Amino acid sequence: MTATMLTTEVAEAWVDYNGHMNDAEYARVFSLAVEALMDRLGLDEAGRTAHGYTIYTLETHLCYRQEAHRGEQLDVTCLLLDSDAKRLHVLFTLCNAAGEVLATSEQMLMGIDVESGRPAPFPAPVVTGIEVLPRAGDEWPSAAGRRIGIRR
């Protein structure tokens, strides 16, 4: 089970000379999904100000599966793979309206105290939001935990 974080569509400006969404724009969509996740956890603009807290992306592994085209609806879901007091390991999946997987982005996110600029435990209200996110459990999706390399 996953949670839909974002619904958008391929903007005209995102389409490249190959006639489909440029690779950098997939990263933009996943970045927007992180912002949507933050909003869901209570770290919208008001929450970031109230808690003096934000989330940074430490690492991302983006896999392109299929092309996205001009005007196509995009839905991004989120699955929590793991977490601790100040980190979230998530898998975002980008699908079209037919439910076909277009891309995945596995990410390590870090909670940051804004004043110090250093990692810090999630504020209690954020922990409550994290606890209700769909979790992968023992069986991770095949798109998660992958290594990059040339298969021989």
N, C-alpha and C. Protein backbone atom coordinates (compact mmCIF):
# COMPACT_ATOMS: atom_id res chain seq x y z
N MET A 1 0.85 -1.18 0.00
CA MET A 1 0.00 0.00 0.00
C MET A 1 0.89 1.25 0.00
N THR A 2 0.51 2.23 -0.77
CA THR A 2 1.26 3.48 -0.86
C THR A 2 0.31 4.65 -0.63
N ALA A 3 0.87 5.83 -0.45
CA ALA A 3 0.08 7.04 -0.27
C ALA A 3 0.37 7.99 -1.42
N THR A 4 -0.69 8.49 -2.07
CA THR A 4 -0.48 9.47 -3.14
C THR A 4 -0.05 10.78 -2.52
N MET A 5 1.09 11.29 -2.99
CA MET A 5 1.64 12.54 -2.47
C MET A 5 1.36 13.70 -3.40
N LEU A 6 1.31 13.43 -4.70
CA LEU A 6 1.26 14.52 -5.67
C LEU A 6 0.56 14.05 -6.94
N THR A 7 -0.27 14.92 -7.48
CA THR A 7 -0.84 14.73 -8.81
C THR A 7 -0.57 16.01 -9.59
N THR A 8 0.00 15.86 -10.78
CA THR A 8 0.32 17.00 -11.64
C THR A 8 0.24 16.52 -13.08
N GLU A 9 0.69 17.32 -14.01
CA GLU A 9 0.77 16.88 -15.40
C GLU A 9 2.04 17.43 -16.03
N VAL A 10 2.45 16.78 -17.11
CA VAL A 10 3.68 17.18 -17.80
C VAL A 10 3.45 18.55 -18.44
N ALA A 11 4.18 19.53 -17.96
CA ALA A 11 4.08 20.89 -18.49
C ALA A 11 4.79 21.00 -19.83
N GLU A 12 4.33 21.92 -20.66
CA GLU A 12 4.94 22.16 -21.97
C GLU A 12 6.44 22.41 -21.83
N ALA A 13 6.83 23.20 -20.84
CA ALA A 13 8.24 23.56 -20.65
C ALA A 13 9.10 22.37 -20.24
N TRP A 14 8.49 21.28 -19.81
CA TRP A 14 9.24 20.11 -19.38
C TRP A 14 9.58 19.17 -20.53
N VAL A 15 9.00 19.40 -21.70
CA VAL A 15 9.19 18.51 -22.85
C VAL A 15 10.44 18.92 -23.62
N ASP A 16 11.29 17.94 -23.92
CA ASP A 16 12.55 18.24 -24.60
C ASP A 16 12.49 17.94 -26.09
N TYR A 17 13.63 18.04 -26.73
CA TYR A 17 13.77 17.84 -28.17
C TYR A 17 13.45 16.41 -28.61
N ASN A 18 13.35 15.47 -27.66
CA ASN A 18 12.97 14.10 -27.99
C ASN A 18 11.46 13.90 -27.95
N GLY A 19 10.73 14.96 -27.57
CA GLY A 19 9.27 14.89 -27.57
C GLY A 19 8.66 14.29 -26.31
N HIS A 20 9.47 14.11 -25.27
CA HIS A 20 8.94 13.62 -24.01
C HIS A 20 9.58 14.39 -22.85
N MET A 21 9.14 14.11 -21.64
CA MET A 21 9.62 14.86 -20.49
C MET A 21 11.13 14.67 -20.33
N ASN A 22 11.83 15.78 -20.19
CA ASN A 22 13.27 15.78 -20.01
C ASN A 22 13.64 15.09 -18.70
N ASP A 23 14.79 14.44 -18.68
CA ASP A 23 15.20 13.70 -17.49
C ASP A 23 15.26 14.57 -16.23
N ALA A 24 15.70 15.79 -16.35
CA ALA A 24 15.78 16.69 -15.19
C ALA A 24 14.40 16.98 -14.61
N GLU A 25 13.38 16.93 -15.42
CA GLU A 25 12.03 17.24 -14.95
C GLU A 25 11.44 16.12 -14.10
N TYR A 26 11.91 14.89 -14.32
CA TYR A 26 11.50 13.80 -13.42
C TYR A 26 11.98 14.15 -12.00
N ALA A 27 13.23 14.63 -11.91
CA ALA A 27 13.78 15.02 -10.60
C ALA A 27 12.95 16.16 -10.00
N ARG A 28 12.50 17.08 -10.85
CA ARG A 28 11.64 18.17 -10.36
C ARG A 28 10.35 17.62 -9.76
N VAL A 29 9.73 16.68 -10.45
CA VAL A 29 8.47 16.12 -9.97
C VAL A 29 8.70 15.40 -8.63
N PHE A 30 9.79 14.66 -8.52
CA PHE A 30 10.07 13.98 -7.25
C PHE A 30 10.39 15.00 -6.15
N SER A 31 11.02 16.10 -6.48
CA SER A 31 11.27 17.16 -5.51
C SER A 31 9.95 17.76 -5.02
N LEU A 32 9.02 17.96 -5.94
CA LEU A 32 7.69 18.45 -5.56
C LEU A 32 6.98 17.43 -4.65
N ALA A 33 7.24 16.15 -4.89
CA ALA A 33 6.65 15.10 -4.04
C ALA A 33 7.24 15.16 -2.63
N VAL A 34 8.53 15.47 -2.51
CA VAL A 34 9.12 15.63 -1.17
C VAL A 34 8.45 16.79 -0.46
N GLU A 35 8.22 17.89 -1.16
CA GLU A 35 7.52 19.03 -0.56
C GLU A 35 6.12 18.63 -0.11
N ALA A 36 5.44 17.84 -0.93
CA ALA A 36 4.09 17.38 -0.57
C ALA A 36 4.15 16.47 0.66
N LEU A 37 5.17 15.62 0.74
CA LEU A 37 5.36 14.77 1.91
C LEU A 37 5.59 15.65 3.15
N MET A 38 6.42 16.66 3.02
CA MET A 38 6.66 17.57 4.14
C MET A 38 5.36 18.22 4.59
N ASP A 39 4.55 18.68 3.64
CA ASP A 39 3.26 19.28 3.97
C ASP A 39 2.40 18.29 4.77
N ARG A 40 2.38 17.04 4.30
CA ARG A 40 1.57 16.01 4.95
C ARG A 40 2.04 15.74 6.38
N LEU A 41 3.34 15.89 6.60
CA LEU A 41 3.92 15.65 7.93
C LEU A 41 3.82 16.86 8.84
N GLY A 42 3.22 17.96 8.35
CA GLY A 42 3.10 19.16 9.16
C GLY A 42 4.27 20.10 9.02
N LEU A 43 5.08 19.90 7.98
CA LEU A 43 6.22 20.78 7.74
C LEU A 43 5.99 21.65 6.51
N ASP A 44 4.76 22.16 6.38
CA ASP A 44 4.48 23.18 5.39
C ASP A 44 5.17 24.46 5.87
N GLU A 45 4.96 25.58 5.20
CA GLU A 45 5.65 26.81 5.58
C GLU A 45 5.40 27.17 7.05
N ALA A 46 4.16 27.08 7.47
CA ALA A 46 3.82 27.42 8.86
C ALA A 46 4.47 26.44 9.84
N GLY A 47 4.46 25.16 9.50
CA GLY A 47 5.06 24.15 10.36
C GLY A 47 6.57 24.28 10.46
N ARG A 48 7.21 24.59 9.33
CA ARG A 48 8.67 24.79 9.35
C ARG A 48 9.02 25.97 10.26
N THR A 49 8.22 27.03 10.17
CA THR A 49 8.46 28.20 11.01
C THR A 49 8.21 27.88 12.48
N ALA A 50 7.09 27.24 12.77
CA ALA A 50 6.72 26.94 14.16
C ALA A 50 7.73 26.01 14.84
N HIS A 51 8.22 25.01 14.09
CA HIS A 51 9.14 24.03 14.67
C HIS A 51 10.61 24.39 14.47
N GLY A 52 10.88 25.38 13.59
CA GLY A 52 12.28 25.68 13.28
C GLY A 52 12.97 24.47 12.70
N TYR A 53 12.25 23.79 11.80
CA TYR A 53 12.67 22.46 11.36
C TYR A 53 12.33 22.28 9.88
N THR A 54 13.17 21.54 9.18
CA THR A 54 12.93 21.25 7.77
C THR A 54 13.50 19.88 7.44
N ILE A 55 13.38 19.49 6.20
CA ILE A 55 13.92 18.21 5.72
C ILE A 55 14.79 18.48 4.51
N TYR A 56 15.97 17.88 4.51
CA TYR A 56 16.89 17.93 3.37
C TYR A 56 16.94 16.56 2.70
N THR A 57 17.21 16.56 1.41
CA THR A 57 17.45 15.32 0.68
C THR A 57 18.94 15.04 0.71
N LEU A 58 19.31 13.86 1.24
CA LEU A 58 20.72 13.47 1.31
C LEU A 58 21.18 12.70 0.09
N GLU A 59 20.30 11.84 -0.41
CA GLU A 59 20.67 10.97 -1.52
C GLU A 59 19.41 10.58 -2.28
N THR A 60 19.56 10.41 -3.57
CA THR A 60 18.44 9.95 -4.38
C THR A 60 18.94 9.02 -5.47
N HIS A 61 18.12 8.03 -5.78
CA HIS A 61 18.42 7.08 -6.85
C HIS A 61 17.20 7.04 -7.76
N LEU A 62 17.31 7.71 -8.89
CA LEU A 62 16.20 7.87 -9.82
C LEU A 62 16.33 6.86 -10.95
N CYS A 63 15.27 6.09 -11.18
CA CYS A 63 15.23 5.12 -12.27
C CYS A 63 14.12 5.50 -13.25
N TYR A 64 14.49 5.63 -14.50
CA TYR A 64 13.54 5.97 -15.56
C TYR A 64 13.01 4.67 -16.16
N ARG A 65 11.69 4.52 -16.22
CA ARG A 65 11.08 3.28 -16.72
C ARG A 65 10.39 3.48 -18.08
N GLN A 66 9.62 4.57 -18.21
CA GLN A 66 8.90 4.86 -19.44
C GLN A 66 8.86 6.37 -19.64
N GLU A 67 8.59 6.77 -20.87
CA GLU A 67 8.51 8.19 -21.20
C GLU A 67 7.19 8.79 -20.70
N ALA A 68 7.27 10.03 -20.29
CA ALA A 68 6.09 10.82 -19.96
C ALA A 68 5.94 11.89 -21.04
N HIS A 69 4.72 12.15 -21.45
CA HIS A 69 4.49 13.04 -22.59
C HIS A 69 3.68 14.28 -22.21
N ARG A 70 3.81 15.30 -23.02
CA ARG A 70 3.13 16.59 -22.85
C ARG A 70 1.68 16.40 -22.42
N GLY A 71 1.32 17.06 -21.32
CA GLY A 71 -0.06 17.05 -20.85
C GLY A 71 -0.47 15.79 -20.10
N GLU A 72 0.40 14.79 -20.04
CA GLU A 72 0.06 13.52 -19.39
C GLU A 72 -0.07 13.72 -17.88
N GLN A 73 -1.09 13.10 -17.29
CA GLN A 73 -1.26 13.16 -15.84
C GLN A 73 -0.17 12.33 -15.17
N LEU A 74 0.35 12.86 -14.07
CA LEU A 74 1.37 12.18 -13.29
C LEU A 74 0.91 12.07 -11.85
N ASP A 75 1.01 10.89 -11.29
CA ASP A 75 0.68 10.66 -9.88
C ASP A 75 1.92 10.09 -9.21
N VAL A 76 2.28 10.66 -8.07
CA VAL A 76 3.45 10.19 -7.32
C VAL A 76 2.98 9.65 -5.98
N THR A 77 3.35 8.39 -5.73
CA THR A 77 3.03 7.77 -4.45
C THR A 77 4.31 7.65 -3.62
N CYS A 78 4.11 7.44 -2.33
CA CYS A 78 5.24 7.35 -1.40
C CYS A 78 5.07 6.11 -0.52
N LEU A 79 6.17 5.40 -0.35
CA LEU A 79 6.21 4.25 0.53
C LEU A 79 7.41 4.43 1.46
N LEU A 80 7.17 4.34 2.76
CA LEU A 80 8.24 4.46 3.74
C LEU A 80 8.95 3.12 3.84
N LEU A 81 10.24 3.11 3.51
CA LEU A 81 11.03 1.89 3.58
C LEU A 81 11.61 1.70 4.98
N ASP A 82 12.04 2.81 5.60
CA ASP A 82 12.63 2.74 6.92
C ASP A 82 12.68 4.16 7.50
N SER A 83 12.86 4.25 8.80
CA SER A 83 13.01 5.55 9.44
C SER A 83 13.70 5.38 10.78
N ASP A 84 14.26 6.47 11.26
CA ASP A 84 14.77 6.53 12.62
C ASP A 84 14.41 7.90 13.17
N ALA A 85 15.06 8.33 14.22
CA ALA A 85 14.68 9.58 14.89
C ALA A 85 14.80 10.81 14.03
N LYS A 86 15.65 10.77 12.98
CA LYS A 86 15.83 11.97 12.15
C LYS A 86 15.97 11.69 10.66
N ARG A 87 15.77 10.46 10.23
CA ARG A 87 15.88 10.13 8.81
C ARG A 87 14.67 9.36 8.32
N LEU A 88 14.36 9.58 7.04
CA LEU A 88 13.33 8.82 6.34
C LEU A 88 13.97 8.22 5.09
N HIS A 89 13.75 6.93 4.88
CA HIS A 89 14.17 6.25 3.66
C HIS A 89 12.89 5.92 2.93
N VAL A 90 12.66 6.59 1.79
CA VAL A 90 11.38 6.48 1.09
C VAL A 90 11.58 6.05 -0.36
N LEU A 91 10.52 5.50 -0.91
CA LEU A 91 10.48 5.19 -2.34
C LEU A 91 9.27 5.91 -2.93
N PHE A 92 9.54 6.84 -3.85
CA PHE A 92 8.49 7.51 -4.60
C PHE A 92 8.33 6.78 -5.93
N THR A 93 7.09 6.58 -6.35
CA THR A 93 6.80 5.95 -7.63
C THR A 93 5.94 6.90 -8.45
N LEU A 94 6.40 7.20 -9.66
CA LEU A 94 5.71 8.09 -10.58
C LEU A 94 4.96 7.24 -11.60
N CYS A 95 3.64 7.43 -11.67
CA CYS A 95 2.80 6.67 -12.60
C CYS A 95 1.98 7.62 -13.46
N ASN A 96 1.53 7.11 -14.60
CA ASN A 96 0.60 7.87 -15.43
C ASN A 96 -0.83 7.53 -14.99
N ALA A 97 -1.81 8.11 -15.67
CA ALA A 97 -3.21 7.92 -15.29
C ALA A 97 -3.65 6.46 -15.41
N ALA A 98 -2.98 5.69 -16.28
CA ALA A 98 -3.30 4.26 -16.45
C ALA A 98 -2.64 3.41 -15.37
N GLY A 99 -1.84 4.04 -14.49
CA GLY A 99 -1.18 3.30 -13.43
C GLY A 99 0.14 2.67 -13.83
N GLU A 100 0.63 3.00 -15.04
CA GLU A 100 1.91 2.47 -15.49
C GLU A 100 3.05 3.22 -14.81
N VAL A 101 4.04 2.49 -14.33
CA VAL A 101 5.18 3.11 -13.66
C VAL A 101 6.07 3.77 -14.69
N LEU A 102 6.30 5.08 -14.49
CA LEU A 102 7.15 5.85 -15.39
C LEU A 102 8.56 6.02 -14.82
N ALA A 103 8.65 6.11 -13.49
CA ALA A 103 9.95 6.29 -12.84
C ALA A 103 9.81 6.03 -11.35
N THR A 104 10.94 5.75 -10.71
CA THR A 104 10.98 5.63 -9.26
C THR A 104 12.13 6.48 -8.74
N SER A 105 12.00 6.92 -7.50
CA SER A 105 13.06 7.69 -6.85
C SER A 105 13.16 7.23 -5.40
N GLU A 106 14.23 6.50 -5.12
CA GLU A 106 14.50 6.09 -3.75
C GLU A 106 15.31 7.21 -3.11
N GLN A 107 14.90 7.66 -1.93
CA GLN A 107 15.54 8.82 -1.33
C GLN A 107 15.80 8.62 0.16
N MET A 108 16.90 9.21 0.61
CA MET A 108 17.20 9.32 2.04
C MET A 108 17.02 10.78 2.40
N LEU A 109 16.11 11.04 3.32
CA LEU A 109 15.77 12.39 3.75
C LEU A 109 16.22 12.58 5.20
N MET A 110 16.72 13.76 5.52
CA MET A 110 17.24 14.05 6.85
C MET A 110 16.52 15.24 7.46
N GLY A 111 16.08 15.08 8.71
CA GLY A 111 15.47 16.18 9.45
C GLY A 111 16.55 17.12 9.95
N ILE A 112 16.30 18.42 9.77
CA ILE A 112 17.30 19.45 10.07
C ILE A 112 16.71 20.53 10.98
N ASP A 113 17.44 20.86 12.05
CA ASP A 113 17.12 22.01 12.88
C ASP A 113 17.57 23.25 12.10
N VAL A 114 16.65 24.13 11.78
CA VAL A 114 16.95 25.28 10.94
C VAL A 114 17.98 26.21 11.58
N GLU A 115 17.86 26.45 12.88
CA GLU A 115 18.76 27.39 13.54
C GLU A 115 20.21 26.91 13.52
N SER A 116 20.44 25.65 13.82
CA SER A 116 21.82 25.13 13.85
C SER A 116 22.29 24.67 12.47
N GLY A 117 21.33 24.33 11.59
CA GLY A 117 21.69 23.78 10.29
C GLY A 117 22.20 22.35 10.39
N ARG A 118 21.92 21.70 11.50
CA ARG A 118 22.41 20.35 11.77
C ARG A 118 21.24 19.37 11.88
N PRO A 119 21.52 18.08 11.66
CA PRO A 119 20.48 17.07 11.85
C PRO A 119 19.94 17.10 13.27
N ALA A 120 18.65 16.82 13.39
CA ALA A 120 17.99 16.81 14.69
C ALA A 120 16.79 15.87 14.63
N PRO A 121 16.39 15.31 15.76
CA PRO A 121 15.21 14.43 15.77
C PRO A 121 13.96 15.15 15.31
N PHE A 122 13.07 14.39 14.70
CA PHE A 122 11.80 14.95 14.24
C PHE A 122 11.00 15.47 15.44
N PRO A 123 10.35 16.64 15.28
CA PRO A 123 9.43 17.11 16.33
C PRO A 123 8.29 16.10 16.50
N ALA A 124 7.74 16.03 17.72
CA ALA A 124 6.70 15.05 18.04
C ALA A 124 5.53 15.05 17.05
N PRO A 125 5.00 16.21 16.62
CA PRO A 125 3.88 16.17 15.67
C PRO A 125 4.29 15.56 14.32
N VAL A 126 5.54 15.72 13.93
CA VAL A 126 6.03 15.13 12.68
C VAL A 126 6.13 13.62 12.84
N VAL A 127 6.59 13.17 13.98
CA VAL A 127 6.66 11.72 14.26
C VAL A 127 5.28 11.10 14.12
N THR A 128 4.27 11.78 14.61
CA THR A 128 2.90 11.29 14.49
C THR A 128 2.51 11.12 13.03
N GLY A 129 2.89 12.08 12.18
CA GLY A 129 2.62 11.98 10.74
C GLY A 129 3.39 10.84 10.09
N ILE A 130 4.61 10.64 10.51
CA ILE A 130 5.43 9.55 9.96
C ILE A 130 4.82 8.20 10.30
N GLU A 131 4.30 8.08 11.51
CA GLU A 131 3.75 6.80 11.97
C GLU A 131 2.57 6.31 11.13
N VAL A 132 1.87 7.22 10.45
CA VAL A 132 0.71 6.80 9.65
C VAL A 132 1.05 6.63 8.16
N LEU A 133 2.31 6.87 7.78
CA LEU A 133 2.70 6.64 6.38
C LEU A 133 2.70 5.14 6.08
N PRO A 134 2.31 4.78 4.87
CA PRO A 134 2.39 3.37 4.49
C PRO A 134 3.85 2.89 4.54
N ARG A 135 4.07 1.71 5.12
CA ARG A 135 5.41 1.15 5.27
C ARG A 135 5.57 -0.09 4.40
N ALA A 136 6.79 -0.29 3.97
CA ALA A 136 7.10 -1.43 3.11
C ALA A 136 7.09 -2.75 3.88
N GLY A 137 7.44 -2.73 5.15
CA GLY A 137 7.54 -3.97 5.91
C GLY A 137 8.79 -4.74 5.52
N ASP A 138 8.74 -6.04 5.65
CA ASP A 138 9.91 -6.88 5.36
C ASP A 138 10.16 -7.06 3.87
N GLU A 139 9.12 -6.96 3.07
CA GLU A 139 9.24 -7.17 1.62
C GLU A 139 9.28 -5.84 0.90
N TRP A 140 10.47 -5.40 0.52
CA TRP A 140 10.61 -4.15 -0.22
C TRP A 140 10.26 -4.36 -1.68
N PRO A 141 9.74 -3.31 -2.34
CA PRO A 141 9.52 -3.39 -3.79
C PRO A 141 10.86 -3.62 -4.50
N SER A 142 10.82 -4.26 -5.65
CA SER A 142 12.05 -4.55 -6.39
C SER A 142 12.79 -3.28 -6.81
N ALA A 143 12.09 -2.16 -6.89
CA ALA A 143 12.72 -0.89 -7.28
C ALA A 143 13.56 -0.28 -6.15
N ALA A 144 13.44 -0.80 -4.95
CA ALA A 144 14.16 -0.24 -3.80
C ALA A 144 15.43 -1.04 -3.51
N GLY A 145 16.44 -0.33 -3.03
CA GLY A 145 17.67 -0.98 -2.62
C GLY A 145 18.56 -1.43 -3.75
N ARG A 146 18.32 -0.90 -4.93
CA ARG A 146 19.09 -1.31 -6.10
C ARG A 146 20.47 -0.66 -6.11
N ARG A 147 21.41 -1.35 -6.69
CA ARG A 147 22.74 -0.80 -6.92
C ARG A 147 22.86 -0.44 -8.38
N ILE A 148 23.68 0.55 -8.65
CA ILE A 148 23.95 0.92 -10.03
C ILE A 148 25.24 0.23 -10.45
N GLY A 149 25.28 -0.29 -11.66
CA GLY A 149 26.47 -0.96 -12.16
C GLY A 149 26.17 -1.63 -13.49
N ILE A 150 27.21 -2.03 -14.15
CA ILE A 150 27.07 -2.76 -15.41
C ILE A 150 26.99 -4.25 -15.07
N ARG A 151 25.91 -4.87 -15.44
CA ARG A 151 25.72 -6.30 -15.17
C ARG A 151 26.55 -7.12 -16.16
N ARG A 152 27.26 -8.05 -15.63
CA ARG A 152 28.10 -8.92 -16.48
C ARG A 152 27.70 -10.36 -16.29
